Structures are given as structure tokens and as C-alpha cells.
Amino acid sequence: MATCKGCGEEAEALVSVKVDGKAKKLCEDCADRAREASEIAEASESVVQGMMGFKGRR
């Protein structure tokens, strides 16, 4: 059995997910949470840049 890097519990299968630019092997539950967190962070960054009038690349 492999150990999840997120929660530390053993899982049958691990999924490779990019978190903060680094690939981590997480269980399905942790992988879903990491994906949701990155989507929320991306959306909030976009909103803040819109409010600030940022016209740069991203």
C-alpha cells in the first residue's frame, strides 16, 4: 500500500496532482480537494486583478 502525502493515510491507488507547481501523489479525496483549492485561488486572483485594473499577462 502507498501512503498519501496529503493526509498520511494508506491508499490503494495514488493520483499525481500538481500543487503549487510541484507534482504530489495524493489519494483521490486529497486530489479533489487540491484541485478545488487551485480553482478557487485562480478565480479569486482573476477577480482581484480585475478590480485593480491589471492588464498584464497571466
N, C-alpha and C. Protein backbone atom coordinates (compact mmCIF):
# COMPACT_ATOMS: atom_id res chain seq x y z
N MET A 1 0.83 -1.19 0.00
CA MET A 1 0.00 0.00 0.00
C MET A 1 0.87 1.25 0.00
N ALA A 2 0.41 2.24 -0.72
CA ALA A 2 1.13 3.51 -0.81
C ALA A 2 0.54 4.50 0.19
N THR A 3 1.36 5.44 0.62
CA THR A 3 0.92 6.44 1.60
C THR A 3 0.68 7.78 0.90
N CYS A 4 -0.45 8.39 1.20
CA CYS A 4 -0.81 9.69 0.64
C CYS A 4 0.07 10.77 1.29
N LYS A 5 0.58 11.70 0.49
CA LYS A 5 1.41 12.78 1.01
C LYS A 5 0.58 13.87 1.69
N GLY A 6 -0.73 13.92 1.39
CA GLY A 6 -1.58 14.95 1.97
C GLY A 6 -2.09 14.61 3.35
N CYS A 7 -2.68 13.42 3.49
CA CYS A 7 -3.30 13.06 4.76
C CYS A 7 -2.48 12.04 5.55
N GLY A 8 -1.53 11.39 4.90
CA GLY A 8 -0.68 10.43 5.59
C GLY A 8 -1.28 9.05 5.75
N GLU A 9 -2.47 8.83 5.18
CA GLU A 9 -3.12 7.53 5.28
C GLU A 9 -2.74 6.65 4.10
N GLU A 10 -2.88 5.36 4.29
CA GLU A 10 -2.57 4.44 3.20
C GLU A 10 -3.74 4.38 2.23
N ALA A 11 -3.42 4.32 0.93
CA ALA A 11 -4.44 4.26 -0.12
C ALA A 11 -4.03 3.20 -1.13
N GLU A 12 -5.02 2.60 -1.78
CA GLU A 12 -4.74 1.58 -2.78
C GLU A 12 -4.08 2.19 -4.01
N ALA A 13 -4.59 3.34 -4.45
CA ALA A 13 -4.03 3.98 -5.64
C ALA A 13 -3.83 5.47 -5.36
N LEU A 14 -2.72 5.99 -5.82
CA LEU A 14 -2.43 7.41 -5.66
C LEU A 14 -2.53 8.10 -7.01
N VAL A 15 -2.93 9.36 -6.99
CA VAL A 15 -3.07 10.16 -8.20
C VAL A 15 -2.02 11.26 -8.15
N SER A 16 -1.34 11.50 -9.26
CA SER A 16 -0.34 12.55 -9.33
C SER A 16 -1.03 13.86 -9.68
N VAL A 17 -0.88 14.88 -8.81
CA VAL A 17 -1.53 16.17 -8.98
C VAL A 17 -0.49 17.27 -8.79
N LYS A 18 -0.56 18.32 -9.62
CA LYS A 18 0.34 19.46 -9.44
C LYS A 18 -0.26 20.42 -8.42
N VAL A 19 0.50 20.66 -7.36
CA VAL A 19 0.09 21.58 -6.30
C VAL A 19 1.20 22.61 -6.15
N ASP A 20 0.88 23.88 -6.39
CA ASP A 20 1.85 24.97 -6.30
C ASP A 20 3.06 24.71 -7.19
N GLY A 21 2.84 24.14 -8.36
CA GLY A 21 3.92 23.90 -9.31
C GLY A 21 4.72 22.64 -9.07
N LYS A 22 4.37 21.88 -8.04
CA LYS A 22 5.08 20.64 -7.72
C LYS A 22 4.12 19.46 -7.84
N ALA A 23 4.60 18.36 -8.40
CA ALA A 23 3.78 17.17 -8.52
C ALA A 23 3.79 16.40 -7.20
N LYS A 24 2.60 16.07 -6.71
CA LYS A 24 2.47 15.30 -5.48
C LYS A 24 1.57 14.11 -5.75
N LYS A 25 1.84 13.01 -5.07
CA LYS A 25 1.00 11.83 -5.19
C LYS A 25 0.03 11.81 -4.01
N LEU A 26 -1.25 11.98 -4.33
CA LEU A 26 -2.28 12.07 -3.31
C LEU A 26 -3.36 11.04 -3.55
N CYS A 27 -4.12 10.73 -2.49
CA CYS A 27 -5.28 9.85 -2.66
C CYS A 27 -6.38 10.64 -3.38
N GLU A 28 -7.43 9.96 -3.81
CA GLU A 28 -8.50 10.61 -4.57
C GLU A 28 -9.12 11.78 -3.81
N ASP A 29 -9.40 11.62 -2.52
CA ASP A 29 -10.03 12.68 -1.74
C ASP A 29 -9.14 13.92 -1.66
N CYS A 30 -7.87 13.72 -1.35
CA CYS A 30 -6.94 14.84 -1.25
C CYS A 30 -6.73 15.49 -2.61
N ALA A 31 -6.71 14.69 -3.68
CA ALA A 31 -6.53 15.22 -5.03
C ALA A 31 -7.71 16.12 -5.41
N ASP A 32 -8.93 15.69 -5.07
CA ASP A 32 -10.11 16.50 -5.36
C ASP A 32 -10.06 17.82 -4.60
N ARG A 33 -9.66 17.76 -3.33
CA ARG A 33 -9.56 18.98 -2.52
C ARG A 33 -8.49 19.93 -3.08
N ALA A 34 -7.37 19.38 -3.53
CA ALA A 34 -6.29 20.20 -4.09
C ALA A 34 -6.74 20.87 -5.38
N ARG A 35 -7.47 20.13 -6.22
CA ARG A 35 -7.98 20.72 -7.47
C ARG A 35 -8.95 21.85 -7.18
N GLU A 36 -9.86 21.63 -6.25
CA GLU A 36 -10.83 22.67 -5.89
C GLU A 36 -10.14 23.91 -5.33
N ALA A 37 -9.15 23.71 -4.49
CA ALA A 37 -8.43 24.85 -3.90
C ALA A 37 -7.70 25.64 -4.97
N SER A 38 -7.11 24.97 -5.95
CA SER A 38 -6.39 25.68 -7.01
C SER A 38 -7.36 26.43 -7.91
N GLU A 39 -8.54 25.86 -8.18
CA GLU A 39 -9.55 26.55 -8.99
C GLU A 39 -10.06 27.79 -8.27
N ILE A 40 -10.28 27.69 -6.97
CA ILE A 40 -10.76 28.84 -6.19
C ILE A 40 -9.69 29.93 -6.16
N ALA A 41 -8.44 29.55 -5.96
CA ALA A 41 -7.36 30.54 -5.91
C ALA A 41 -7.21 31.24 -7.25
N GLU A 42 -7.33 30.51 -8.34
CA GLU A 42 -7.21 31.10 -9.67
C GLU A 42 -8.36 32.08 -9.93
N ALA A 43 -9.57 31.70 -9.55
CA ALA A 43 -10.72 32.57 -9.76
C ALA A 43 -10.62 33.84 -8.91
N SER A 44 -10.20 33.71 -7.66
CA SER A 44 -10.09 34.89 -6.80
C SER A 44 -8.98 35.81 -7.28
N GLU A 45 -7.89 35.25 -7.78
CA GLU A 45 -6.81 36.08 -8.31
C GLU A 45 -7.31 36.88 -9.51
N SER A 46 -8.11 36.24 -10.36
CA SER A 46 -8.65 36.91 -11.53
C SER A 46 -9.55 38.07 -11.13
N VAL A 47 -10.39 37.86 -10.12
CA VAL A 47 -11.30 38.90 -9.66
C VAL A 47 -10.51 40.07 -9.09
N VAL A 48 -9.50 39.80 -8.27
CA VAL A 48 -8.70 40.87 -7.67
C VAL A 48 -7.96 41.65 -8.75
N GLN A 49 -7.41 40.95 -9.74
CA GLN A 49 -6.72 41.65 -10.82
C GLN A 49 -7.69 42.52 -11.61
N GLY A 50 -8.93 42.05 -11.78
CA GLY A 50 -9.94 42.84 -12.46
C GLY A 50 -10.28 44.11 -11.70
N MET A 51 -10.39 44.00 -10.37
CA MET A 51 -10.69 45.17 -9.54
C MET A 51 -9.55 46.18 -9.57
N MET A 52 -8.32 45.69 -9.64
CA MET A 52 -7.15 46.56 -9.61
C MET A 52 -6.83 47.14 -11.00
N GLY A 53 -7.51 46.64 -12.03
CA GLY A 53 -7.26 47.13 -13.37
C GLY A 53 -5.97 46.57 -13.97
N PHE A 54 -5.55 45.41 -13.52
CA PHE A 54 -4.31 44.80 -14.01
C PHE A 54 -4.52 44.32 -15.43
N LYS A 55 -3.62 44.74 -16.34
CA LYS A 55 -3.75 44.35 -17.73
C LYS A 55 -2.57 43.55 -18.21
N GLY A 56 -1.84 42.94 -17.31
CA GLY A 56 -0.63 42.17 -17.66
C GLY A 56 -0.96 40.76 -18.12
N ARG A 57 0.06 40.01 -18.30
CA ARG A 57 -0.10 38.62 -18.74
C ARG A 57 -0.29 37.70 -17.55
N ARG A 58 -1.05 36.68 -17.76
CA ARG A 58 -1.21 35.61 -16.77
C ARG A 58 -2.03 34.52 -17.34
